[in-house]
PDB file of N, CA and C in Angstrom:
ATOM      1  N   MET A   1       0.850  -1.166   0.000  1.00  0.00           N
ATOM      2  CA  MET A   1       0.000   0.000   0.000  1.00  0.00           C
ATOM      3  C   MET A   1       0.904   1.240   0.000  1.00  0.00           C
ATOM      4  N   ALA A   2       0.696   2.140  -0.935  1.00  0.00           N
ATOM      5  CA  ALA A   2       1.549   3.316  -1.111  1.00  0.00           C
ATOM      6  C   ALA A   2       1.228   4.400  -0.094  1.00  0.00           C
ATOM      7  N   ALA A   3       2.222   5.195   0.204  1.00  0.00           N
ATOM      8  CA  ALA A   3       2.056   6.391   1.033  1.00  0.00           C
ATOM      9  C   ALA A   3       2.353   7.589   0.139  1.00  0.00           C
ATOM     10  N   THR A   4       1.455   8.584   0.115  1.00  0.00           N
ATOM     11  CA  THR A   4       1.589   9.703  -0.820  1.00  0.00           C
ATOM     12  C   THR A   4       1.454  11.043  -0.114  1.00  0.00           C
ATOM     13  N   ILE A   5       2.271  12.003  -0.544  1.00  0.00           N
ATOM     14  CA  ILE A   5       2.143  13.409  -0.161  1.00  0.00           C
ATOM     15  C   ILE A   5       1.724  14.151  -1.426  1.00  0.00           C
ATOM     16  N   ARG A   6       0.691  14.946  -1.361  1.00  0.00           N
ATOM     17  CA  ARG A   6       0.286  15.757  -2.516  1.00  0.00           C
ATOM     18  C   ARG A   6       0.810  17.171  -2.296  1.00  0.00           C
ATOM     19  N   VAL A   7       1.555  17.680  -3.268  1.00  0.00           N
ATOM     20  CA  VAL A   7       2.084  19.041  -3.239  1.00  0.00           C
ATOM     21  C   VAL A   7       1.305  19.831  -4.277  1.00  0.00           C
ATOM     22  N   SER A   8       0.411  20.709  -3.827  1.00  0.00           N
ATOM     23  CA  SER A   8      -0.398  21.475  -4.769  1.00  0.00           C
ATOM     24  C   SER A   8      -0.773  22.813  -4.163  1.00  0.00           C
ATOM     25  N   VAL A   9      -1.196  23.723  -5.028  1.00  0.00           N
ATOM     26  CA  VAL A   9      -1.638  25.045  -4.577  1.00  0.00           C
ATOM     27  C   VAL A   9      -2.940  25.411  -5.277  1.00  0.00           C
ATOM     28  N   HIS A  10      -3.679  26.267  -4.639  1.00  0.00           N
ATOM     29  CA  HIS A  10      -4.920  26.792  -5.209  1.00  0.00           C
ATOM     30  C   HIS A  10      -4.825  28.310  -5.120  1.00  0.00           C
ATOM     31  N   VAL A  11      -4.643  28.947  -6.269  1.00  0.00           N
ATOM     32  CA  VAL A  11      -4.469  30.395  -6.346  1.00  0.00           C
ATOM     33  C   VAL A  11      -5.428  30.941  -7.391  1.00  0.00           C
ATOM     34  N   ASP A  12      -6.009  32.105  -7.126  1.00  0.00           N
ATOM     35  CA  ASP A  12      -6.881  32.772  -8.100  1.00  0.00           C
ATOM     36  C   ASP A  12      -5.989  33.487  -9.112  1.00  0.00           C
ATOM     37  N   PHE A  13      -5.697  32.820 -10.225  1.00  0.00           N
ATOM     38  CA  PHE A  13      -4.775  33.388 -11.210  1.00  0.00           C
ATOM     39  C   PHE A  13      -5.418  34.467 -12.056  1.00  0.00           C
ATOM     40  N   ASN A  14      -6.721  34.644 -11.966  1.00  0.00           N
ATOM     41  CA  ASN A  14      -7.357  35.783 -12.637  1.00  0.00           C
ATOM     42  C   ASN A  14      -6.846  37.089 -12.033  1.00  0.00           C
ATOM     43  N   ARG A  15      -6.471  37.032 -10.769  1.00  0.00           N
ATOM     44  CA  ARG A  15      -5.958  38.222 -10.090  1.00  0.00           C
ATOM     45  C   ARG A  15      -4.461  38.430 -10.301  1.00  0.00           C
ATOM     46  N   VAL A  16      -3.704  37.371 -10.418  1.00  0.00           N
ATOM     47  CA  VAL A  16      -2.248  37.520 -10.432  1.00  0.00           C
ATOM     48  C   VAL A  16      -1.602  37.355 -11.799  1.00  0.00           C
ATOM     49  N   GLY A  17      -2.278  36.777 -12.784  1.00  0.00           N
ATOM     50  CA  GLY A  17      -1.752  36.706 -14.137  1.00  0.00           C
ATOM     51  C   GLY A  17      -1.017  35.426 -14.478  1.00  0.00           C
ATOM     52  N   LEU A  18      -0.738  35.283 -15.774  1.00  0.00           N
ATOM     53  CA  LEU A  18      -0.122  34.062 -16.291  1.00  0.00           C
ATOM     54  C   LEU A  18       1.356  33.927 -15.934  1.00  0.00           C
ATOM     55  N   VAL A  19       2.063  35.030 -15.853  1.00  0.00           N
ATOM     56  CA  VAL A  19       3.486  34.953 -15.494  1.00  0.00           C
ATOM     57  C   VAL A  19       3.622  34.385 -14.086  1.00  0.00           C
ATOM     58  N   ALA A  20       2.754  34.850 -13.187  1.00  0.00           N
ATOM     59  CA  ALA A  20       2.785  34.329 -11.820  1.00  0.00           C
ATOM     60  C   ALA A  20       2.434  32.845 -11.809  1.00  0.00           C
ATOM     61  N   ARG A  21       1.501  32.443 -12.668  1.00  0.00           N
ATOM     62  CA  ARG A  21       1.111  31.027 -12.740  1.00  0.00           C
ATOM     63  C   ARG A  21       2.311  30.164 -13.101  1.00  0.00           C
ATOM     64  N   GLU A  22       3.105  30.604 -14.055  1.00  0.00           N
ATOM     65  CA  GLU A  22       4.295  29.848 -14.444  1.00  0.00           C
ATOM     66  C   GLU A  22       5.308  29.782 -13.303  1.00  0.00           C
ATOM     67  N   ARG A  23       5.490  30.900 -12.607  1.00  0.00           N
ATOM     68  CA  ARG A  23       6.419  30.914 -11.466  1.00  0.00           C
ATOM     69  C   ARG A  23       5.928  30.005 -10.346  1.00  0.00           C
ATOM     70  N   VAL A  24       4.620  30.006 -10.103  1.00  0.00           N
ATOM     71  CA  VAL A  24       4.059  29.134  -9.065  1.00  0.00           C
ATOM     72  C   VAL A  24       4.207  27.673  -9.480  1.00  0.00           C
ATOM     73  N   ALA A  25       3.957  27.363 -10.740  1.00  0.00           N
ATOM     74  CA  ALA A  25       4.117  25.986 -11.223  1.00  0.00           C
ATOM     75  C   ALA A  25       5.558  25.518 -11.030  1.00  0.00           C
ATOM     76  N   THR A  26       6.505  26.390 -11.293  1.00  0.00           N
ATOM     77  CA  THR A  26       7.916  26.057 -11.081  1.00  0.00           C
ATOM     78  C   THR A  26       8.203  25.836  -9.602  1.00  0.00           C
ATOM     79  N   ALA A  27       7.636  26.678  -8.738  1.00  0.00           N
ATOM     80  CA  ALA A  27       7.834  26.537  -7.293  1.00  0.00           C
ATOM     81  C   ALA A  27       7.250  25.224  -6.780  1.00  0.00           C
ATOM     82  N   VAL A  28       6.075  24.848  -7.278  1.00  0.00           N
ATOM     83  CA  VAL A  28       5.442  23.591  -6.869  1.00  0.00           C
ATOM     84  C   VAL A  28       6.298  22.407  -7.310  1.00  0.00           C
ATOM     85  N   ALA A  29       6.784  22.441  -8.542  1.00  0.00           N
ATOM     86  CA  ALA A  29       7.622  21.358  -9.052  1.00  0.00           C
ATOM     87  C   ALA A  29       8.896  21.223  -8.227  1.00  0.00           C
ATOM     88  N   LYS A  30       9.554  22.343  -7.952  1.00  0.00           N
ATOM     89  CA  LYS A  30      10.785  22.305  -7.163  1.00  0.00           C
ATOM     90  C   LYS A  30      10.520  21.771  -5.765  1.00  0.00           C
ATOM     91  N   THR A  31       9.419  22.201  -5.158  1.00  0.00           N
ATOM     92  CA  THR A  31       9.080  21.728  -3.813  1.00  0.00           C
ATOM     93  C   THR A  31       8.837  20.223  -3.812  1.00  0.00           C
ATOM     94  N   ALA A  32       8.146  19.713  -4.822  1.00  0.00           N
ATOM     95  CA  ALA A  32       7.897  18.275  -4.904  1.00  0.00           C
ATOM     96  C   ALA A  32       9.201  17.494  -5.062  1.00  0.00           C
ATOM     97  N   LEU A  33      10.089  17.986  -5.911  1.00  0.00           N
ATOM     98  CA  LEU A  33      11.373  17.307  -6.090  1.00  0.00           C
ATOM     99  C   LEU A  33      12.209  17.377  -4.818  1.00  0.00           C
ATOM    100  N   ASP A  34      12.137  18.510  -4.118  1.00  0.00           N
ATOM    101  CA  ASP A  34      12.794  18.606  -2.810  1.00  0.00           C
ATOM    102  C   ASP A  34      12.171  17.613  -1.832  1.00  0.00           C
ATOM    103  N   GLY A  35      10.838  17.459  -1.920  1.00  0.00           N
ATOM    104  CA  GLY A  35      10.140  16.510  -1.055  1.00  0.00           C
ATOM    105  C   GLY A  35      10.594  15.080  -1.285  1.00  0.00           C
ATOM    106  N   GLU A  36      10.819  14.735  -2.541  1.00  0.00           N
ATOM    107  CA  GLU A  36      11.345  13.400  -2.848  1.00  0.00           C
ATOM    108  C   GLU A  36      12.704  13.202  -2.181  1.00  0.00           C
ATOM    109  N   ALA A  37      13.555  14.208  -2.290  1.00  0.00           N
ATOM    110  CA  ALA A  37      14.896  14.110  -1.697  1.00  0.00           C
ATOM    111  C   ALA A  37      14.826  14.029  -0.167  1.00  0.00           C
ATOM    112  N   ILE A  38      13.959  14.837   0.431  1.00  0.00           N
ATOM    113  CA  ILE A  38      13.829  14.824   1.893  1.00  0.00           C
ATOM    114  C   ILE A  38      13.296  13.475   2.359  1.00  0.00           C
ATOM    115  N   ALA A  39      12.250  12.971   1.699  1.00  0.00           N
ATOM    116  CA  ALA A  39      11.668  11.680   2.084  1.00  0.00           C
ATOM    117  C   ALA A  39      12.709  10.563   1.990  1.00  0.00           C
ATOM    118  N   LYS A  40      13.504  10.598   0.939  1.00  0.00           N
ATOM    119  CA  LYS A  40      14.555   9.584   0.796  1.00  0.00           C
ATOM    120  C   LYS A  40      15.603   9.717   1.894  1.00  0.00           C
ATOM    121  N   ALA A  41      15.893  10.952   2.294  1.00  0.00           N
ATOM    122  CA  ALA A  41      16.903  11.173   3.329  1.00  0.00           C
ATOM    123  C   ALA A  41      16.442  10.707   4.708  1.00  0.00           C
ATOM    124  N   VAL A  42      15.152  10.840   4.998  1.00  0.00           N
ATOM    125  CA  VAL A  42      14.666  10.486   6.333  1.00  0.00           C
ATOM    126  C   VAL A  42      14.015   9.107   6.403  1.00  0.00           C
ATOM    127  N   ALA A  43      13.868   8.429   5.268  1.00  0.00           N
ATOM    128  CA  ALA A  43      13.242   7.103   5.258  1.00  0.00           C
ATOM    129  C   ALA A  43      14.119   6.101   6.003  1.00  0.00           C
ATOM    130  N   PRO A  44      13.480   5.199   6.766  1.00  0.00           N
ATOM    131  CA  PRO A  44      14.263   4.161   7.435  1.00  0.00           C
ATOM    132  C   PRO A  44      14.904   3.235   6.394  1.00  0.00           C
ATOM    133  N   VAL A  45      16.088   2.746   6.710  1.00  0.00           N
ATOM    134  CA  VAL A  45      16.819   1.920   5.744  1.00  0.00           C
ATOM    135  C   VAL A  45      17.072   0.533   6.324  1.00  0.00           C
ATOM    136  N   ASP A  46      16.697  -0.467   5.550  1.00  0.00           N
ATOM    137  CA  ASP A  46      17.068  -1.845   5.848  1.00  0.00           C
ATOM    138  C   ASP A  46      17.826  -2.358   4.627  1.00  0.00           C
ATOM    139  N   THR A  47      17.110  -2.483   3.505  1.00  0.00           N
ATOM    140  CA  THR A  47      17.749  -2.941   2.269  1.00  0.00           C
ATOM    141  C   THR A  47      17.993  -1.804   1.282  1.00  0.00           C
ATOM    142  N   GLY A  48      17.342  -0.651   1.489  1.00  0.00           N
ATOM    143  CA  GLY A  48      17.456   0.460   0.559  1.00  0.00           C
ATOM    144  C   GLY A  48      16.335   0.511  -0.467  1.00  0.00           C
ATOM    145  N   PHE A  49      15.489  -0.526  -0.495  1.00  0.00           N
ATOM    146  CA  PHE A  49      14.398  -0.558  -1.473  1.00  0.00           C
ATOM    147  C   PHE A  49      13.409   0.578  -1.240  1.00  0.00           C
ATOM    148  N   LEU A  50      13.108   0.870   0.005  1.00  0.00           N
ATOM    149  CA  LEU A  50      12.138   1.927   0.307  1.00  0.00           C
ATOM    150  C   LEU A  50      12.580   3.244  -0.319  1.00  0.00           C
ATOM    151  N   LYS A  51      13.842   3.598  -0.148  1.00  0.00           N
ATOM    152  CA  LYS A  51      14.340   4.859  -0.727  1.00  0.00           C
ATOM    153  C   LYS A  51      14.215   4.863  -2.242  1.00  0.00           C
ATOM    154  N   SER A  52      14.489   3.734  -2.871  1.00  0.00           N
ATOM    155  CA  SER A  52      14.412   3.678  -4.332  1.00  0.00           C
ATOM    156  C   SER A  52      12.969   3.715  -4.834  1.00  0.00           C
ATOM    157  N   ALA A  53      12.014   3.446  -3.944  1.00  0.00           N
ATOM    158  CA  ALA A  53      10.600   3.411  -4.337  1.00  0.00           C
ATOM    159  C   ALA A  53       9.891   4.749  -4.135  1.00  0.00           C
ATOM    160  N   ILE A  54      10.596   5.771  -3.686  1.00  0.00           N
ATOM    161  CA  ILE A  54      10.000   7.092  -3.470  1.00  0.00           C
ATOM    162  C   ILE A  54      10.192   7.918  -4.731  1.00  0.00           C
ATOM    163  N   LYS A  55       9.083   8.405  -5.293  1.00  0.00           N
ATOM    164  CA  LYS A  55       9.112   9.143  -6.562  1.00  0.00           C
ATOM    165  C   LYS A  55       8.233  10.382  -6.491  1.00  0.00           C
ATOM    166  N   ALA A  56       8.685  11.478  -7.102  1.00  0.00           N
ATOM    167  CA  ALA A  56       7.866  12.678  -7.292  1.00  0.00           C
ATOM    168  C   ALA A  56       7.341  12.643  -8.716  1.00  0.00           C
ATOM    169  N   GLU A  57       6.013  12.813  -8.862  1.00  0.00           N
ATOM    170  CA  GLU A  57       5.391  12.751 -10.186  1.00  0.00           C
ATOM    171  C   GLU A  57       4.372  13.861 -10.327  1.00  0.00           C
ATOM    172  N   GLN A  58       4.355  14.466 -11.493  1.00  0.00           N
ATOM    173  CA  GLN A  58       3.426  15.565 -11.754  1.00  0.00           C
ATOM    174  C   GLN A  58       2.029  15.020 -12.014  1.00  0.00           C
ATOM    175  N   ALA A  59       1.032  15.547 -11.267  1.00  0.00           N
ATOM    176  CA  ALA A  59      -0.361  15.148 -11.443  1.00  0.00           C
ATOM    177  C   ALA A  59      -1.090  16.136 -12.348  1.00  0.00           C
ATOM    178  N   SER A  60      -0.749  17.416 -12.252  1.00  0.00           N
ATOM    179  CA  SER A  60      -1.295  18.461 -13.117  1.00  0.00           C
ATOM    180  C   SER A  60      -0.324  19.642 -13.048  1.00  0.00           C
ATOM    181  N   THR A  61      -0.667  20.733 -13.694  1.00  0.00           N
ATOM    182  CA  THR A  61       0.245  21.878 -13.735  1.00  0.00           C
ATOM    183  C   THR A  61       0.652  22.337 -12.344  1.00  0.00           C
ATOM    184  N   LEU A  62      -0.298  22.380 -11.425  1.00  0.00           N
ATOM    185  CA  LEU A  62      -0.025  22.894 -10.088  1.00  0.00           C
ATOM    186  C   LEU A  62      -0.130  21.826  -9.007  1.00  0.00           C
ATOM    187  N   SER A  63       0.021  20.573  -9.376  1.00  0.00           N
ATOM    188  CA  SER A  63      -0.107  19.491  -8.400  1.00  0.00           C
ATOM    189  C   SER A  63       0.891  18.379  -8.702  1.00  0.00           C
ATOM    190  N   TRP A  64       1.641  18.013  -7.712  1.00  0.00           N
ATOM    191  CA  TRP A  64       2.595  16.904  -7.800  1.00  0.00           C
ATOM    192  C   TRP A  64       2.321  15.949  -6.653  1.00  0.00           C
ATOM    193  N   ASN A  65       2.665  14.692  -6.825  1.00  0.00           N
ATOM    194  CA  ASN A  65       2.572  13.690  -5.764  1.00  0.00           C
ATOM    195  C   ASN A  65       3.961  13.155  -5.478  1.00  0.00           C
ATOM    196  N   VAL A  66       4.280  13.025  -4.211  1.00  0.00           N
ATOM    197  CA  VAL A  66       5.493  12.329  -3.788  1.00  0.00           C
ATOM    198  C   VAL A  66       4.990  11.031  -3.164  1.00  0.00           C
ATOM    199  N   THR A  67       5.291   9.911  -3.818  1.00  0.00           N
ATOM    200  CA  THR A  67       4.721   8.624  -3.419  1.00  0.00           C
ATOM    201  C   THR A  67       5.816   7.616  -3.137  1.00  0.00           C
ATOM    202  N   SER A  68       5.609   6.838  -2.092  1.00  0.00           N
ATOM    203  CA  SER A  68       6.465   5.693  -1.816  1.00  0.00           C
ATOM    204  C   SER A  68       5.724   4.460  -2.292  1.00  0.00           C
ATOM    205  N   TYR A  69       6.246   3.795  -3.318  1.00  0.00           N
ATOM    206  CA  TYR A  69       5.573   2.659  -3.929  1.00  0.00           C
ATOM    207  C   TYR A  69       5.908   1.307  -3.286  1.00  0.00           C
ATOM    208  N   ALA A  70       6.727   1.298  -2.260  1.00  0.00           N
ATOM    209  CA  ALA A  70       7.005   0.033  -1.581  1.00  0.00           C
ATOM    210  C   ALA A  70       5.713  -0.471  -0.940  1.00  0.00           C
ATOM    211  N   ALA A  71       5.432  -1.741  -1.092  1.00  0.00           N
ATOM    212  CA  ALA A  71       4.175  -2.310  -0.592  1.00  0.00           C
ATOM    213  C   ALA A  71       4.007  -2.126   0.911  1.00  0.00           C
ATOM    214  N   TYR A  72       5.099  -2.019   1.631  1.00  0.00           N
ATOM    215  CA  TYR A  72       5.044  -1.912   3.094  1.00  0.00           C
ATOM    216  C   TYR A  72       5.141  -0.468   3.595  1.00  0.00           C
ATOM    217  N   SER A  73       5.097   0.500   2.685  1.00  0.00           N
ATOM    218  CA  SER A  73       5.256   1.917   3.057  1.00  0.00           C
ATOM    219  C   SER A  73       4.313   2.358   4.159  1.00  0.00           C
ATOM    220  N   ILE A  74       3.063   2.044   4.006  1.00  0.00           N
ATOM    221  CA  ILE A  74       2.059   2.516   4.951  1.00  0.00           C
ATOM    222  C   ILE A  74       2.286   1.922   6.344  1.00  0.00           C
ATOM    223  N   PHE A  75       2.794   0.693   6.392  1.00  0.00           N
ATOM    224  CA  PHE A  75       3.047   0.047   7.680  1.00  0.00           C
ATOM    225  C   PHE A  75       4.217   0.700   8.406  1.00  0.00           C
ATOM    226  N   LEU A  76       5.236   1.100   7.642  1.00  0.00           N
ATOM    227  CA  LEU A  76       6.342   1.832   8.258  1.00  0.00           C
ATOM    228  C   LEU A  76       5.880   3.200   8.743  1.00  0.00           C
ATOM    229  N   GLU A  77       5.068   3.862   7.933  1.00  0.00           N
ATOM    230  CA  GLU A  77       4.615   5.219   8.260  1.00  0.00           C
ATOM    231  C   GLU A  77       3.768   5.254   9.533  1.00  0.00           C
ATOM    232  N   TYR A  78       2.846   4.321   9.663  1.00  0.00           N
ATOM    233  CA  TYR A  78       1.898   4.358  10.779  1.00  0.00           C
ATOM    234  C   TYR A  78       2.072   3.252  11.804  1.00  0.00           C
ATOM    235  N   GLY A  79       2.909   2.272  11.501  1.00  0.00           N
ATOM    236  CA  GLY A  79       3.117   1.170  12.423  1.00  0.00           C
ATOM    237  C   GLY A  79       2.014   0.131  12.324  1.00  0.00           C
ATOM    238  N   THR A  80       2.194  -0.930  13.074  1.00  0.00           N
ATOM    239  CA  THR A  80       1.200  -2.001  13.165  1.00  0.00           C
ATOM    240  C   THR A  80       1.090  -2.369  14.637  1.00  0.00           C
ATOM    241  N   ARG A  81       0.269  -3.311  14.930  1.00  0.00           N
ATOM    242  CA  ARG A  81       0.176  -3.717  16.341  1.00  0.00           C
ATOM    243  C   ARG A  81       1.433  -4.455  16.791  1.00  0.00           C
ATOM    244  N   PHE A  82       2.265  -4.872  15.833  1.00  0.00           N
ATOM    245  CA  PHE A  82       3.496  -5.584  16.159  1.00  0.00           C
ATOM    246  C   PHE A  82       4.750  -4.723  16.032  1.00  0.00           C
ATOM    247  N   MET A  83       4.594  -3.532  15.455  1.00  0.00           N
ATOM    248  CA  MET A  83       5.769  -2.717  15.134  1.00  0.00           C
ATOM    249  C   MET A  83       5.446  -1.234  15.324  1.00  0.00           C
ATOM    250  N   ALA A  84       6.350  -0.515  15.926  1.00  0.00           N
ATOM    251  CA  ALA A  84       6.165   0.930  16.109  1.00  0.00           C
ATOM    252  C   ALA A  84       6.293   1.646  14.766  1.00  0.00           C
ATOM    253  N   ALA A  85       5.623   2.767  14.656  1.00  0.00           N
ATOM    254  CA  ALA A  85       5.701   3.584  13.440  1.00  0.00           C
ATOM    255  C   ALA A  85       7.111   4.137  13.271  1.00  0.00           C
ATOM    256  N   GLN A  86       7.520   4.246  12.009  1.00  0.00           N
ATOM    257  CA  GLN A  86       8.784   4.891  11.641  1.00  0.00           C
ATOM    258  C   GLN A  86       8.461   5.915  10.559  1.00  0.00           C
ATOM    259  N   PRO A  87       7.749   6.984  10.928  1.00  0.00           N
ATOM    260  CA  PRO A  87       7.251   7.926   9.914  1.00  0.00           C
ATOM    261  C   PRO A  87       8.373   8.623   9.157  1.00  0.00           C
ATOM    262  N   TYR A  88       8.164   8.770   7.875  1.00  0.00           N
ATOM    263  CA  TYR A  88       9.107   9.495   7.022  1.00  0.00           C
ATOM    264  C   TYR A  88       8.356  10.404   6.049  1.00  0.00           C
ATOM    265  N   MET A  89       7.141  10.044   5.631  1.00  0.00           N
ATOM    266  CA  MET A  89       6.370  10.889   4.722  1.00  0.00           C
ATOM    267  C   MET A  89       5.691  12.035   5.480  1.00  0.00           C
ATOM    268  N   THR A  90       5.134  11.761   6.645  1.00  0.00           N
ATOM    269  CA  THR A  90       4.475  12.812   7.434  1.00  0.00           C
ATOM    270  C   THR A  90       5.469  13.905   7.834  1.00  0.00           C
ATOM    271  N   PRO A  91       6.651  13.568   8.347  1.00  0.00           N
ATOM    272  CA  PRO A  91       7.628  14.621   8.646  1.00  0.00           C
ATOM    273  C   PRO A  91       8.073  15.379   7.392  1.00  0.00           C
ATOM    274  N   THR A  92       8.145  14.683   6.272  1.00  0.00           N
ATOM    275  CA  THR A  92       8.498  15.346   5.015  1.00  0.00           C
ATOM    276  C   THR A  92       7.435  16.365   4.645  1.00  0.00           C
ATOM    277  N   ALA A  93       6.169  15.995   4.752  1.00  0.00           N
ATOM    278  CA  ALA A  93       5.069  16.917   4.449  1.00  0.00           C
ATOM    279  C   ALA A  93       5.125  18.137   5.367  1.00  0.00           C
ATOM    280  N   ALA A  94       5.421  17.911   6.627  1.00  0.00           N
ATOM    281  CA  ALA A  94       5.513  19.026   7.580  1.00  0.00           C
ATOM    282  C   ALA A  94       6.655  19.971   7.210  1.00  0.00           C
ATOM    283  N   ARG A  95       7.759  19.438   6.735  1.00  0.00           N
ATOM    284  CA  ARG A  95       8.882  20.280   6.320  1.00  0.00           C
ATOM    285  C   ARG A  95       8.594  21.029   5.027  1.00  0.00           C
ATOM    286  N   LEU A  96       7.805  20.411   4.134  1.00  0.00           N
ATOM    287  CA  LEU A  96       7.521  21.031   2.839  1.00  0.00           C
ATOM    288  C   LEU A  96       6.532  22.186   2.923  1.00  0.00           C
ATOM    289  N   ARG A  97       5.592  22.112   3.850  1.00  0.00           N
ATOM    290  CA  ARG A  97       4.525  23.116   3.915  1.00  0.00           C
ATOM    291  C   ARG A  97       5.072  24.549   3.971  1.00  0.00           C
ATOM    292  N   PRO A  98       5.950  24.899   4.911  1.00  0.00           N
ATOM    293  CA  PRO A  98       6.449  26.282   4.934  1.00  0.00           C
ATOM    294  C   PRO A  98       7.326  26.626   3.730  1.00  0.00           C
ATOM    295  N   ILE A  99       8.036  25.638   3.202  1.00  0.00           N
ATOM    296  CA  ILE A  99       8.861  25.878   2.018  1.00  0.00           C
ATOM    297  C   ILE A  99       7.979  26.268   0.841  1.00  0.00           C
ATOM    298  N   LEU A 100       6.893  25.516   0.641  1.00  0.00           N
ATOM    299  CA  LEU A 100       5.976  25.815  -0.460  1.00  0.00           C
ATOM    300  C   LEU A 100       5.275  27.155  -0.247  1.00  0.00           C
ATOM    301  N   GLN A 101       4.875  27.440   0.971  1.00  0.00           N
ATOM    302  CA  GLN A 101       4.209  28.715   1.252  1.00  0.00           C
ATOM    303  C   GLN A 101       5.116  29.897   0.922  1.00  0.00           C
ATOM    304  N   ARG A 102       6.372  29.817   1.308  1.00  0.00           N
ATOM    305  CA  ARG A 102       7.323  30.899   0.999  1.00  0.00           C
ATOM    306  C   ARG A 102       7.564  31.004  -0.500  1.00  0.00           C
ATOM    307  N   ALA A 103       7.704  29.869  -1.170  1.00  0.00           N
ATOM    308  CA  ALA A 103       7.969  29.870  -2.618  1.00  0.00           C
ATOM    309  C   ALA A 103       6.792  30.470  -3.393  1.00  0.00           C
ATOM    310  N   VAL A 104       5.584  30.106  -3.005  1.00  0.00           N
ATOM    311  CA  VAL A 104       4.399  30.643  -3.706  1.00  0.00           C
ATOM    312  C   VAL A 104       4.239  32.132  -3.410  1.00  0.00           C
ATOM    313  N   ALA A 105       4.464  32.521  -2.185  1.00  0.00           N
ATOM    314  CA  ALA A 105       4.336  33.937  -1.824  1.00  0.00           C
ATOM    315  C   ALA A 105       5.335  34.793  -2.621  1.00  0.00           C
ATOM    316  N   SER A 106       6.541  34.290  -2.804  1.00  0.00           N
ATOM    317  CA  SER A 106       7.515  35.071  -3.571  1.00  0.00           C
ATOM    318  C   SER A 106       7.229  35.032  -5.064  1.00  0.00           C
ATOM    319  N   ALA A 107       6.539  33.994  -5.537  1.00  0.00           N
ATOM    320  CA  ALA A 107       6.218  33.885  -6.957  1.00  0.00           C
ATOM    321  C   ALA A 107       5.075  34.810  -7.367  1.00  0.00           C
ATOM    322  N   ILE A 108       4.170  35.080  -6.430  1.00  0.00           N
ATOM    323  CA  ILE A 108       3.045  35.964  -6.795  1.00  0.00           C
ATOM    324  C   ILE A 108       3.271  37.297  -6.159  1.00  0.00           C
TER     325      ILE A 108
END
């Protein structure tokens, strides 16, 4: 079962214009790619497969997903009754939020 972080923004571009839209799209893409790197850096390591299964992918112009495709991702993230959680996607999302907010604010 995959664990996913969605990196997206909702901005009224009728007010800010197309140039700002392009800058925001670039900021969202950069933040998602940074999110992939952060998730890989903080992911628990046993064999290294989990890190190799984390990918940033564009869902739309202003939306990207950072997903861990390892079948056991969700169990590591939230734990089980037999194993404590070893979160790596949730802390990554928490680190990305202020980064994206600053990037979008400077883009518009």
